[in-house]
Amino acid sequence: MKNIAIFASGSGSNAENIANYFNESQDVRISLIVCNKADAYVFERAKKLGIPSKLVTKADMADEKAVMALLDEYKIDFIVLAGYLLLVPKYLVEAYPRAIVNIHPALIPLHCGKGMYGDRVHEDVIRCGDKESGITIHYVNEFFDNGDIIFQAKCPVCPGDDAHAVATKVHALEYAHFPHVIAETIAKM
């Protein structure tokens, strides 16, 4: 059994989708949800799903011993970033080599890096006149959106689409692909 920690910063819709996907898995368990914002809705989702959750602020992430002790307590084997907006510290990347994955709401290397998240990404796609967008699932290293790409899926950006329309298409790709790509990635460990 592989134990996953999901790191999130917001509402947690992807976290819930992932948890539901693995709900009856014999191989993977969502053992912990970590969030850096005390008022994030992901805590409500975790409670409804019966998954332990912990607040770990940006300042808390600087305490390597405390963070590693938390992950050890839950016997975490793999970390999934699902809307997590903080840079993962180097010590965590080193402790979990090729065992931390992220999803980015665009086709890396486009529209990525520090400050490129959520609606900012979709607005940039529209501003640049891109004909397609999509998702990129990648391994995490110590830089924003820079790890090796595991999977990409595309969707069209149609004339007249605004950032909200692009976001809707991208979210559909996230929900459809992120859980099974996680499962496939873990199976290769």
C-alpha atoms as a PDB file:
ATOM      1  CA  MET A   1       0.000   0.000   0.000  1.00  0.00           C
ATOM      2  CA  LYS A   2       1.351   3.414  -1.021  1.00  0.00           C
ATOM      3  CA  ASN A   3       0.354   6.359   1.156  1.00  0.00           C
ATOM      4  CA  ILE A   4      -0.220   9.663  -0.607  1.00  0.00           C
ATOM      5  CA  ALA A   5      -0.196  13.155   0.832  1.00  0.00           C
ATOM      6  CA  ILE A   6      -2.029  15.743  -1.236  1.00  0.00           C
ATOM      7  CA  PHE A   7      -0.779  19.319  -0.899  1.00  0.00           C
ATOM      8  CA  ALA A   8      -3.342  22.002  -1.772  1.00  0.00           C
ATOM      9  CA  SER A   9      -3.818  25.740  -1.295  1.00  0.00           C
ATOM     10  CA  GLY A  10      -7.449  26.361  -2.196  1.00  0.00           C
ATOM     11  CA  SER A  11     -10.835  24.759  -2.639  1.00  0.00           C
ATOM     12  CA  GLY A  12      -9.521  21.238  -3.129  1.00  0.00           C
ATOM     13  CA  SER A  13     -11.686  20.100  -6.033  1.00  0.00           C
ATOM     14  CA  ASN A  14      -8.767  18.179  -7.552  1.00  0.00           C
ATOM     15  CA  ALA A  15      -7.925  16.728  -4.133  1.00  0.00           C
ATOM     16  CA  GLU A  16     -11.496  15.470  -3.801  1.00  0.00           C
ATOM     17  CA  ASN A  17     -11.444  14.015  -7.324  1.00  0.00           C
ATOM     18  CA  ILE A  18      -8.188  12.180  -6.579  1.00  0.00           C
ATOM     19  CA  ALA A  19      -9.482  10.914  -3.225  1.00  0.00           C
ATOM     20  CA  ASN A  20     -12.658   9.603  -4.855  1.00  0.00           C
ATOM     21  CA  TYR A  21     -10.628   7.867  -7.573  1.00  0.00           C
ATOM     22  CA  PHE A  22      -8.524   5.990  -5.004  1.00  0.00           C
ATOM     23  CA  ASN A  23     -11.363   5.457  -2.519  1.00  0.00           C
ATOM     24  CA  GLU A  24     -11.543   1.695  -3.023  1.00  0.00           C
ATOM     25  CA  SER A  25      -7.977   1.101  -4.165  1.00  0.00           C
ATOM     26  CA  GLN A  26      -6.093  -1.796  -2.627  1.00  0.00           C
ATOM     27  CA  ASP A  27      -2.762  -0.247  -3.652  1.00  0.00           C
ATOM     28  CA  VAL A  28      -3.036   3.476  -2.873  1.00  0.00           C
ATOM     29  CA  ARG A  29      -4.459   5.393   0.074  1.00  0.00           C
ATOM     30  CA  ILE A  30      -4.884   9.147   0.435  1.00  0.00           C
ATOM     31  CA  SER A  31      -3.515   9.368   3.964  1.00  0.00           C
ATOM     32  CA  LEU A  32      -3.119  13.116   4.474  1.00  0.00           C
ATOM     33  CA  ILE A  33      -4.107  16.452   3.007  1.00  0.00           C
ATOM     34  CA  VAL A  34      -1.725  19.347   3.686  1.00  0.00           C
ATOM     35  CA  CYS A  35      -2.743  22.951   3.094  1.00  0.00           C
ATOM     36  CA  ASN A  36      -0.895  26.211   3.625  1.00  0.00           C
ATOM     37  CA  LYS A  37      -3.998  28.427   4.079  1.00  0.00           C
ATOM     38  CA  ALA A  38      -6.085  28.143   7.243  1.00  0.00           C
ATOM     39  CA  ASP A  39      -9.310  29.276   5.540  1.00  0.00           C
ATOM     40  CA  ALA A  40      -9.052  27.043   2.455  1.00  0.00           C
ATOM     41  CA  TYR A  41     -12.129  24.994   1.588  1.00  0.00           C
ATOM     42  CA  VAL A  42      -9.979  21.895   1.095  1.00  0.00           C
ATOM     43  CA  PHE A  43     -10.195  21.382   4.880  1.00  0.00           C
ATOM     44  CA  GLU A  44     -13.987  20.970   4.588  1.00  0.00           C
ATOM     45  CA  ARG A  45     -13.556  18.528   1.731  1.00  0.00           C
ATOM     46  CA  ALA A  46     -11.007  16.530   3.745  1.00  0.00           C
ATOM     47  CA  LYS A  47     -13.402  16.372   6.692  1.00  0.00           C
ATOM     48  CA  LYS A  48     -16.268  15.133   4.484  1.00  0.00           C
ATOM     49  CA  LEU A  49     -13.963  12.543   2.912  1.00  0.00           C
ATOM     50  CA  GLY A  50     -12.666  11.374   6.298  1.00  0.00           C
ATOM     51  CA  ILE A  51      -9.065  12.194   5.396  1.00  0.00           C
ATOM     52  CA  PRO A  52      -6.774  13.719   8.040  1.00  0.00           C
ATOM     53  CA  SER A  53      -5.687  17.251   7.171  1.00  0.00           C
ATOM     54  CA  LYS A  54      -3.033  19.559   8.550  1.00  0.00           C
ATOM     55  CA  LEU A  55      -2.269  23.245   8.204  1.00  0.00           C
ATOM     56  CA  VAL A  56       1.380  23.716   7.211  1.00  0.00           C
ATOM     57  CA  THR A  57       2.016  27.375   6.462  1.00  0.00           C
ATOM     58  CA  LYS A  58       4.785  28.788   4.317  1.00  0.00           C
ATOM     59  CA  ALA A  59       6.724  29.551   7.503  1.00  0.00           C
ATOM     60  CA  ASP A  60       6.119  25.999   8.769  1.00  0.00           C
ATOM     61  CA  MET A  61       7.594  24.571   5.542  1.00  0.00           C
ATOM     62  CA  ALA A  62      10.946  26.049   6.570  1.00  0.00           C
ATOM     63  CA  ASP A  63      11.054  23.630   9.524  1.00  0.00           C
ATOM     64  CA  GLU A  64      12.414  20.539   7.797  1.00  0.00           C
ATOM     65  CA  LYS A  65      12.335  18.354  10.905  1.00  0.00           C
ATOM     66  CA  ALA A  66       8.686  19.134  11.671  1.00  0.00           C
ATOM     67  CA  VAL A  67       7.514  18.629   8.086  1.00  0.00           C
ATOM     68  CA  MET A  68       9.421  15.377   7.682  1.00  0.00           C
ATOM     69  CA  ALA A  69       8.101  14.162  11.069  1.00  0.00           C
ATOM     70  CA  LEU A  70       4.532  14.867   9.893  1.00  0.00           C
ATOM     71  CA  LEU A  71       5.052  12.956   6.650  1.00  0.00           C
ATOM     72  CA  ASP A  72       6.742  10.105   8.544  1.00  0.00           C
ATOM     73  CA  GLU A  73       3.821   9.971  10.989  1.00  0.00           C
ATOM     74  CA  TYR A  74       1.471   9.232   8.088  1.00  0.00           C
ATOM     75  CA  LYS A  75       4.026   6.963   6.356  1.00  0.00           C
ATOM     76  CA  ILE A  76       3.871   9.070   3.191  1.00  0.00           C
ATOM     77  CA  ASP A  77       5.417   7.448   0.096  1.00  0.00           C
ATOM     78  CA  PHE A  78       4.255   9.907  -2.556  1.00  0.00           C
ATOM     79  CA  ILE A  79       3.177  13.562  -2.679  1.00  0.00           C
ATOM     80  CA  VAL A  80       0.669  15.074  -5.088  1.00  0.00           C
ATOM     81  CA  LEU A  81       0.454  18.835  -5.550  1.00  0.00           C
ATOM     82  CA  ALA A  82      -3.122  19.708  -6.451  1.00  0.00           C
ATOM     83  CA  GLY A  83      -3.423  23.460  -6.636  1.00  0.00           C
ATOM     84  CA  TYR A  84      -0.545  23.959  -4.217  1.00  0.00           C
ATOM     85  CA  LEU A  85       0.900  27.420  -4.791  1.00  0.00           C
ATOM     86  CA  LEU A  86       4.124  27.323  -2.792  1.00  0.00           C
ATOM     87  CA  LEU A  87       7.546  26.313  -4.035  1.00  0.00           C
ATOM     88  CA  VAL A  88       8.428  22.890  -2.666  1.00  0.00           C
ATOM     89  CA  PRO A  89      11.593  23.159  -0.561  1.00  0.00           C
ATOM     90  CA  LYS A  90      14.728  21.405  -1.725  1.00  0.00           C
ATOM     91  CA  TYR A  91      14.828  19.110   1.320  1.00  0.00           C
ATOM     92  CA  LEU A  92      11.425  17.693   0.375  1.00  0.00           C
ATOM     93  CA  VAL A  93      12.416  17.159  -3.264  1.00  0.00           C
ATOM     94  CA  GLU A  94      15.542  15.327  -2.060  1.00  0.00           C
ATOM     95  CA  ALA A  95      13.569  13.201   0.421  1.00  0.00           C
ATOM     96  CA  TYR A  96      11.036  12.198  -2.272  1.00  0.00           C
ATOM     97  CA  PRO A  97      13.003  11.853  -5.527  1.00  0.00           C
ATOM     98  CA  ARG A  98      10.586  11.386  -8.440  1.00  0.00           C
ATOM     99  CA  ALA A  99       7.839  10.867  -5.892  1.00  0.00           C
ATOM    100  CA  ILE A 100       6.280  14.340  -5.997  1.00  0.00           C
ATOM    101  CA  VAL A 101       4.041  15.284  -8.906  1.00  0.00           C
ATOM    102  CA  ASN A 102       2.230  18.471  -9.836  1.00  0.00           C
ATOM    103  CA  ILE A 103      -0.428  19.426 -12.325  1.00  0.00           C
ATOM    104  CA  HIS A 104      -0.130  22.707 -14.192  1.00  0.00           C
ATOM    105  CA  PRO A 105      -3.118  24.184 -16.052  1.00  0.00           C
ATOM    106  CA  ALA A 106      -1.235  24.841 -19.302  1.00  0.00           C
ATOM    107  CA  LEU A 107       1.090  23.149 -21.737  1.00  0.00           C
ATOM    108  CA  ILE A 108       4.546  23.570 -20.230  1.00  0.00           C
ATOM    109  CA  PRO A 109       6.857  25.235 -21.262  1.00  0.00           C
ATOM    110  CA  LEU A 110       4.154  27.836 -21.983  1.00  0.00           C
ATOM    111  CA  HIS A 111       2.463  29.939 -19.309  1.00  0.00           C
ATOM    112  CA  CYS A 112       4.374  28.562 -16.346  1.00  0.00           C
ATOM    113  CA  GLY A 113       6.769  29.598 -13.612  1.00  0.00           C
ATOM    114  CA  LYS A 114       6.470  31.763 -10.539  1.00  0.00           C
ATOM    115  CA  GLY A 115       3.170  33.603 -10.354  1.00  0.00           C
ATOM    116  CA  MET A 116       1.540  31.578 -13.117  1.00  0.00           C
ATOM    117  CA  TYR A 117      -1.409  29.775 -11.550  1.00  0.00           C
ATOM    118  CA  GLY A 118      -5.189  29.659 -11.780  1.00  0.00           C
ATOM    119  CA  ASP A 119      -6.910  32.351 -13.805  1.00  0.00           C
ATOM    120  CA  ARG A 120      -3.589  34.089 -14.450  1.00  0.00           C
ATOM    121  CA  VAL A 121      -2.601  31.167 -16.675  1.00  0.00           C
ATOM    122  CA  HIS A 122      -5.862  31.145 -18.624  1.00  0.00           C
ATOM    123  CA  GLU A 123      -5.800  34.932 -19.053  1.00  0.00           C
ATOM    124  CA  ASP A 124      -2.262  34.656 -20.413  1.00  0.00           C
ATOM    125  CA  VAL A 125      -3.358  31.944 -22.871  1.00  0.00           C
ATOM    126  CA  ILE A 126      -6.076  34.290 -24.192  1.00  0.00           C
ATOM    127  CA  ARG A 127      -3.772  37.325 -24.233  1.00  0.00           C
ATOM    128  CA  CYS A 128      -1.171  35.403 -26.263  1.00  0.00           C
ATOM    129  CA  GLY A 129      -3.745  34.191 -28.780  1.00  0.00           C
ATOM    130  CA  ASP A 130      -2.961  30.507 -28.260  1.00  0.00           C
ATOM    131  CA  LYS A 131      -5.019  28.056 -30.328  1.00  0.00           C
ATOM    132  CA  GLU A 132      -4.787  25.350 -27.674  1.00  0.00           C
ATOM    133  CA  SER A 133      -4.200  24.913 -23.993  1.00  0.00           C
ATOM    134  CA  GLY A 134      -4.299  21.934 -21.677  1.00  0.00           C
ATOM    135  CA  ILE A 135      -2.644  20.333 -18.695  1.00  0.00           C
ATOM    136  CA  THR A 136       0.850  19.197 -17.847  1.00  0.00           C
ATOM    137  CA  ILE A 137       1.531  16.641 -15.132  1.00  0.00           C
ATOM    138  CA  HIS A 138       5.172  16.683 -14.134  1.00  0.00           C
ATOM    139  CA  TYR A 139       7.637  15.623 -11.497  1.00  0.00           C
ATOM    140  CA  VAL A 140       8.502  18.342  -9.016  1.00  0.00           C
ATOM    141  CA  ASN A 141      11.989  19.709  -8.542  1.00  0.00           C
ATOM    142  CA  GLU A 142      13.140  22.761  -6.595  1.00  0.00           C
ATOM    143  CA  PHE A 143      11.924  25.191  -9.296  1.00  0.00           C
ATOM    144  CA  PHE A 144       8.391  26.180 -10.311  1.00  0.00           C
ATOM    145  CA  ASP A 145       6.975  24.046 -13.144  1.00  0.00           C
ATOM    146  CA  ASN A 146      10.390  22.761 -14.156  1.00  0.00           C
ATOM    147  CA  GLY A 147      10.440  19.004 -13.510  1.00  0.00           C
ATOM    148  CA  ASP A 148      10.309  16.272 -16.127  1.00  0.00           C
ATOM    149  CA  ILE A 149       6.977  16.047 -17.916  1.00  0.00           C
ATOM    150  CA  ILE A 150       4.989  12.858 -17.308  1.00  0.00           C
ATOM    151  CA  PHE A 151       1.822  13.602 -19.302  1.00  0.00           C
ATOM    152  CA  GLN A 152       0.122  16.340 -21.300  1.00  0.00           C
ATOM    153  CA  ALA A 153      -3.410  16.635 -22.659  1.00  0.00           C
ATOM    154  CA  LYS A 154      -4.676  19.384 -24.947  1.00  0.00           C
ATOM    155  CA  CYS A 155      -7.905  21.229 -25.536  1.00  0.00           C
ATOM    156  CA  PRO A 156      -8.769  23.800 -28.216  1.00  0.00           C
ATOM    157  CA  VAL A 157      -8.992  27.505 -27.493  1.00  0.00           C
ATOM    158  CA  CYS A 158     -11.791  28.647 -29.763  1.00  0.00           C
ATOM    159  CA  PRO A 159     -12.423  32.142 -31.123  1.00  0.00           C
ATOM    160  CA  GLY A 160     -14.498  33.971 -28.546  1.00  0.00           C
ATOM    161  CA  ASP A 161     -13.290  31.884 -25.598  1.00  0.00           C
ATOM    162  CA  ASP A 162     -12.503  33.903 -22.512  1.00  0.00           C
ATOM    163  CA  ALA A 163     -10.354  32.813 -19.562  1.00  0.00           C
ATOM    164  CA  HIS A 164     -13.374  31.203 -17.880  1.00  0.00           C
ATOM    165  CA  ALA A 165     -14.144  29.080 -20.962  1.00  0.00           C
ATOM    166  CA  VAL A 166     -10.528  27.938 -21.154  1.00  0.00           C
ATOM    167  CA  ALA A 167     -10.516  27.179 -17.418  1.00  0.00           C
ATOM    168  CA  THR A 168     -13.619  25.018 -17.793  1.00  0.00           C
ATOM    169  CA  LYS A 169     -11.981  22.950 -20.552  1.00  0.00           C
ATOM    170  CA  VAL A 170      -8.725  22.636 -18.596  1.00  0.00           C
ATOM    171  CA  HIS A 171     -10.531  21.584 -15.395  1.00  0.00           C
ATOM    172  CA  ALA A 172     -12.287  18.827 -17.347  1.00  0.00           C
ATOM    173  CA  LEU A 173      -8.875  17.549 -18.469  1.00  0.00           C
ATOM    174  CA  GLU A 174      -7.556  17.715 -14.896  1.00  0.00           C
ATOM    175  CA  TYR A 175     -10.440  15.658 -13.524  1.00  0.00           C
ATOM    176  CA  ALA A 176     -10.252  13.144 -16.378  1.00  0.00           C
ATOM    177  CA  HIS A 177      -6.507  12.535 -16.334  1.00  0.00           C
ATOM    178  CA  PHE A 178      -4.789  13.479 -13.068  1.00  0.00           C
ATOM    179  CA  PRO A 179      -5.950  10.483 -10.970  1.00  0.00           C
ATOM    180  CA  HIS A 180      -5.044   7.796 -13.513  1.00  0.00           C
ATOM    181  CA  VAL A 181      -1.674   9.418 -14.271  1.00  0.00           C
ATOM    182  CA  ILE A 182      -0.930   9.420 -10.539  1.00  0.00           C
ATOM    183  CA  ALA A 183      -1.851   5.718 -10.374  1.00  0.00           C
ATOM    184  CA  GLU A 184       0.358   4.906 -13.383  1.00  0.00           C
ATOM    185  CA  THR A 185       3.260   6.903 -11.961  1.00  0.00           C
ATOM    186  CA  ILE A 186       3.030   5.180  -8.592  1.00  0.00           C
ATOM    187  CA  ALA A 187       2.843   1.778 -10.297  1.00  0.00           C
ATOM    188  CA  LYS A 188       6.229   2.492 -11.919  1.00  0.00           C
ATOM    189  CA  MET A 189       7.936   3.219  -8.583  1.00  0.00           C
END
